[in-house]
C-alpha atoms as a PDB file:
ATOM      1  CA  MET A   1      75.896 115.854  91.856  1.00  0.00           C
ATOM      2  CA  ARG A   2      76.788 118.775  94.125  1.00  0.00           C
ATOM      3  CA  ASP A   3      80.219 120.321  94.659  1.00  0.00           C
ATOM      4  CA  ILE A   4      81.971 119.628  97.951  1.00  0.00           C
ATOM      5  CA  ALA A   5      82.212 123.408  98.503  1.00  0.00           C
ATOM      6  CA  GLU A   6      81.242 126.560  96.660  1.00  0.00           C
ATOM      7  CA  GLY A   7      83.859 128.593  94.844  1.00  0.00           C
ATOM      8  CA  LEU A   8      86.395 125.805  94.274  1.00  0.00           C
ATOM      9  CA  PHE A   9      85.717 125.196  90.561  1.00  0.00           C
ATOM     10  CA  THR A  10      84.889 127.309  87.513  1.00  0.00           C
ATOM     11  CA  ASP A  11      81.574 126.761  85.701  1.00  0.00           C
ATOM     12  CA  GLU A  12      83.284 125.852  82.422  1.00  0.00           C
ATOM     13  CA  VAL A  13      82.553 122.633  80.500  1.00  0.00           C
ATOM     14  CA  SER A  14      86.037 121.515  81.561  1.00  0.00           C
ATOM     15  CA  PRO A  15      86.170 123.038  85.065  1.00  0.00           C
ATOM     16  CA  ARG A  16      89.320 124.529  86.549  1.00  0.00           C
ATOM     17  CA  LEU A  17      90.232 124.973  90.187  1.00  0.00           C
ATOM     18  CA  ILE A  18      89.890 128.523  91.471  1.00  0.00           C
ATOM     19  CA  GLY A  19      92.976 129.670  93.301  1.00  0.00           C
ATOM     20  CA  GLY A  20      93.759 133.054  94.727  1.00  0.00           C
ATOM     21  CA  ARG A  21      96.381 135.528  93.508  1.00  0.00           C
ATOM     22  CA  ASP A  22      97.829 137.868  96.138  1.00  0.00           C
ATOM     23  CA  ARG A  23      97.199 141.396  94.850  1.00  0.00           C
ATOM     24  CA  GLU A  24     100.510 142.661  96.303  1.00  0.00           C
ATOM     25  CA  SER A  25     103.017 139.848  95.762  1.00  0.00           C
ATOM     26  CA  GLY A  26     101.411 137.884  92.905  1.00  0.00           C
ATOM     27  CA  ARG A  27     101.765 134.636  94.885  1.00  0.00           C
ATOM     28  CA  ILE A  28      99.109 132.063  93.935  1.00  0.00           C
ATOM     29  CA  VAL A  29      97.468 129.737  96.464  1.00  0.00           C
ATOM     30  CA  PHE A  30      94.650 127.187  96.524  1.00  0.00           C
ATOM     31  CA  PRO A  31      91.917 127.526  97.534  1.00  0.00           C
ATOM     32  CA  CYS A  32      91.269 131.258  97.231  1.00  0.00           C
ATOM     33  CA  PRO A  33      91.274 132.804 100.728  1.00  0.00           C
ATOM     34  CA  PRO A  34      88.363 135.065 101.717  1.00  0.00           C
ATOM     35  CA  GLY A  35      88.802 138.820 101.868  1.00  0.00           C
ATOM     36  CA  ASP A  36      90.173 141.484  99.565  1.00  0.00           C
ATOM     37  CA  ARG A  37      93.864 140.571  99.596  1.00  0.00           C
ATOM     38  CA  PHE A  38      93.443 137.788  96.992  1.00  0.00           C
ATOM     39  CA  GLU A  39      91.701 137.870  93.633  1.00  0.00           C
ATOM     40  CA  ALA A  40      90.120 134.724  92.147  1.00  0.00           C
ATOM     41  CA  TRP A  41      92.559 133.025  89.775  1.00  0.00           C
ATOM     42  CA  PRO A  42      91.527 130.073  87.538  1.00  0.00           C
ATOM     43  CA  LEU A  43      94.366 127.557  87.748  1.00  0.00           C
ATOM     44  CA  SER A  44      95.885 125.466  84.982  1.00  0.00           C
ATOM     45  CA  ARG A  45      94.192 122.115  84.308  1.00  0.00           C
ATOM     46  CA  GLU A  46      97.555 120.405  83.751  1.00  0.00           C
ATOM     47  CA  GLY A  47     100.540 119.764  85.976  1.00  0.00           C
ATOM     48  CA  THR A  48     103.103 117.225  87.121  1.00  0.00           C
ATOM     49  CA  LEU A  49     103.161 114.958  90.135  1.00  0.00           C
ATOM     50  CA  TRP A  50     105.406 116.503  92.796  1.00  0.00           C
ATOM     51  CA  SER A  51     104.865 113.887  95.540  1.00  0.00           C
ATOM     52  CA  PHE A  52     102.313 111.223  96.500  1.00  0.00           C
ATOM     53  CA  THR A  53     101.199 108.624  99.019  1.00  0.00           C
ATOM     54  CA  ILE A  54      98.588 105.892  99.232  1.00  0.00           C
ATOM     55  CA  GLN A  55      95.806 106.461 101.793  1.00  0.00           C
ATOM     56  CA  ARG A  56      95.734 102.976 103.332  1.00  0.00           C
ATOM     57  CA  TYR A  57      93.757 103.588 106.516  1.00  0.00           C
ATOM     58  CA  ARG A  58      90.083 104.441 106.878  1.00  0.00           C
ATOM     59  CA  PRO A  59      89.385 107.964 108.161  1.00  0.00           C
ATOM     60  CA  LYS A  60      87.520 108.055 111.495  1.00  0.00           C
ATOM     61  CA  THR A  61      84.376 109.877 110.436  1.00  0.00           C
ATOM     62  CA  PRO A  62      81.760 109.797 107.674  1.00  0.00           C
ATOM     63  CA  PRO A  63      81.304 110.028 104.744  1.00  0.00           C
ATOM     64  CA  TYR A  64      83.831 107.213 104.473  1.00  0.00           C
ATOM     65  CA  ALA A  65      82.826 103.576 104.140  1.00  0.00           C
ATOM     66  CA  GLY A  66      83.007 101.163 107.051  1.00  0.00           C
ATOM     67  CA  PRO A  67      85.993  98.855 107.565  1.00  0.00           C
ATOM     68  CA  ASP A  68      84.704  96.128 105.239  1.00  0.00           C
ATOM     69  CA  ALA A  69      84.024  98.502 102.342  1.00  0.00           C
ATOM     70  CA  PHE A  70      87.120 100.710 102.642  1.00  0.00           C
ATOM     71  CA  ARG A  71      89.491 100.729  99.636  1.00  0.00           C
ATOM     72  CA  PRO A  72      92.849 102.597  99.605  1.00  0.00           C
ATOM     73  CA  TRP A  73      93.305 105.535  97.228  1.00  0.00           C
ATOM     74  CA  PRO A  74      96.290 107.580  96.000  1.00  0.00           C
ATOM     75  CA  VAL A  75      96.757 111.200  97.059  1.00  0.00           C
ATOM     76  CA  GLY A  76      99.176 113.501  95.274  1.00  0.00           C
ATOM     77  CA  TYR A  77     100.674 116.947  95.359  1.00  0.00           C
ATOM     78  CA  VAL A  78     100.393 118.292  91.831  1.00  0.00           C
ATOM     79  CA  GLU A  79     102.599 121.150  90.687  1.00  0.00           C
ATOM     80  CA  LEU A  80     100.769 123.531  88.376  1.00  0.00           C
ATOM     81  CA  PRO A  81     103.597 125.231  86.463  1.00  0.00           C
ATOM     82  CA  GLY A  82     104.218 128.827  87.475  1.00  0.00           C
ATOM     83  CA  GLU A  83     101.263 128.765  89.888  1.00  0.00           C
ATOM     84  CA  THR A  84     101.147 126.551  92.975  1.00  0.00           C
ATOM     85  CA  ILE A  85     101.074 122.976  94.262  1.00  0.00           C
ATOM     86  CA  VAL A  86      97.654 121.469  95.053  1.00  0.00           C
ATOM     87  CA  GLU A  87      96.697 118.331  96.954  1.00  0.00           C
ATOM     88  CA  ALA A  88      94.201 116.002  95.294  1.00  0.00           C
ATOM     89  CA  ARG A  89      93.221 112.401  94.808  1.00  0.00           C
ATOM     90  CA  LEU A  90      94.790 110.611  91.878  1.00  0.00           C
ATOM     91  CA  THR A  91      92.409 108.589  89.740  1.00  0.00           C
ATOM     92  CA  ASN A  92      92.413 106.309  86.699  1.00  0.00           C
ATOM     93  CA  VAL A  93      95.919 105.041  87.425  1.00  0.00           C
ATOM     94  CA  ASP A  94      97.279 101.828  88.982  1.00  0.00           C
ATOM     95  CA  PHE A  95      99.229 102.354  92.195  1.00  0.00           C
ATOM     96  CA  ASP A  96     102.333 100.804  90.637  1.00  0.00           C
ATOM     97  CA  ALA A  97     102.209 103.199  87.656  1.00  0.00           C
ATOM     98  CA  ILE A  98     102.340 106.366  89.779  1.00  0.00           C
ATOM     99  CA  HIS A  99     105.676 108.183  89.637  1.00  0.00           C
ATOM    100  CA  ILE A 100     107.092 111.592  90.501  1.00  0.00           C
ATOM    101  CA  GLY A 101     107.067 113.884  87.464  1.00  0.00           C
ATOM    102  CA  MET A 102     104.205 112.139  85.673  1.00  0.00           C
ATOM    103  CA  PRO A 103     102.047 114.533  83.614  1.00  0.00           C
ATOM    104  CA  LEU A 104      98.526 114.919  85.004  1.00  0.00           C
ATOM    105  CA  GLU A 105      95.293 116.700  84.152  1.00  0.00           C
ATOM    106  CA  LEU A 106      92.370 117.813  86.276  1.00  0.00           C
ATOM    107  CA  THR A 107      89.182 115.775  86.344  1.00  0.00           C
ATOM    108  CA  MET A 108      86.100 115.697  88.559  1.00  0.00           C
ATOM    109  CA  ILE A 109      85.037 112.577  90.464  1.00  0.00           C
ATOM    110  CA  ALA A 110      82.487 111.528  93.058  1.00  0.00           C
ATOM    111  CA  LEU A 111      83.754 111.590  96.645  1.00  0.00           C
ATOM    112  CA  ASP A 112      81.864 108.332  97.177  1.00  0.00           C
ATOM    113  CA  PRO A 113      80.625 106.748  93.930  1.00  0.00           C
ATOM    114  CA  ASN A 114      78.333 104.427  95.931  1.00  0.00           C
ATOM    115  CA  ALA A 115      76.492 107.180  97.815  1.00  0.00           C
ATOM    116  CA  ASP A 116      72.839 108.003  97.065  1.00  0.00           C
ATOM    117  CA  GLU A 117      73.643 111.718  96.770  1.00  0.00           C
ATOM    118  CA  SER A 118      77.123 112.083  95.393  1.00  0.00           C
ATOM    119  CA  VAL A 119      79.485 114.941  96.137  1.00  0.00           C
ATOM    120  CA  ARG A 120      81.857 116.157  93.394  1.00  0.00           C
ATOM    121  CA  ILE A 121      85.535 116.680  94.184  1.00  0.00           C
ATOM    122  CA  HIS A 122      88.605 117.475  92.099  1.00  0.00           C
ATOM    123  CA  ALA A 123      91.191 114.837  91.236  1.00  0.00           C
ATOM    124  CA  PHE A 124      94.039 114.426  88.788  1.00  0.00           C
ATOM    125  CA  GLN A 125      94.505 111.633  86.262  1.00  0.00           C
ATOM    126  CA  PRO A 126      97.264 110.779  83.785  1.00  0.00           C
ATOM    127  CA  LYS A 127      97.322 113.314  80.969  1.00  0.00           C
ATOM    128  CA  GLY A 128      95.429 112.058  77.942  1.00  0.00           C
ATOM    129  CA  PHE A 129      93.548 109.363  79.874  1.00  0.00           C
ATOM    130  CA  ALA A 130      90.651 108.040  77.765  1.00  0.00           C
ATOM    131  CA  ALA A 131      87.772 106.405  79.645  1.00  0.00           C
END
């Protein structure tokens, strides 16, 4: 499986997102912008759900499945305490169980689990989820 983009995740056994810390202000963003103003900053693996929605319409372009195969998915803004808020898919949770403030942890999933060559993306799941 290949990463969706280089420089988004650490190489650790339990990867972390790589944000950027502004060298002057200390503000942390994700992803890390290019250039010298920001230094790479491994982000926390745990956070809380700040906001969310359910993606119920099929995007216009590949790599998304055609109309018959499309399945909705949850998207959340996850607050990483003292750092930043990141957007990511939510996984391993029923739509009805999603709520603002729920504790989450980072995980890695396939962008399209049915694809021949899968692409790895970041997602968040309920903290302590056991497969």
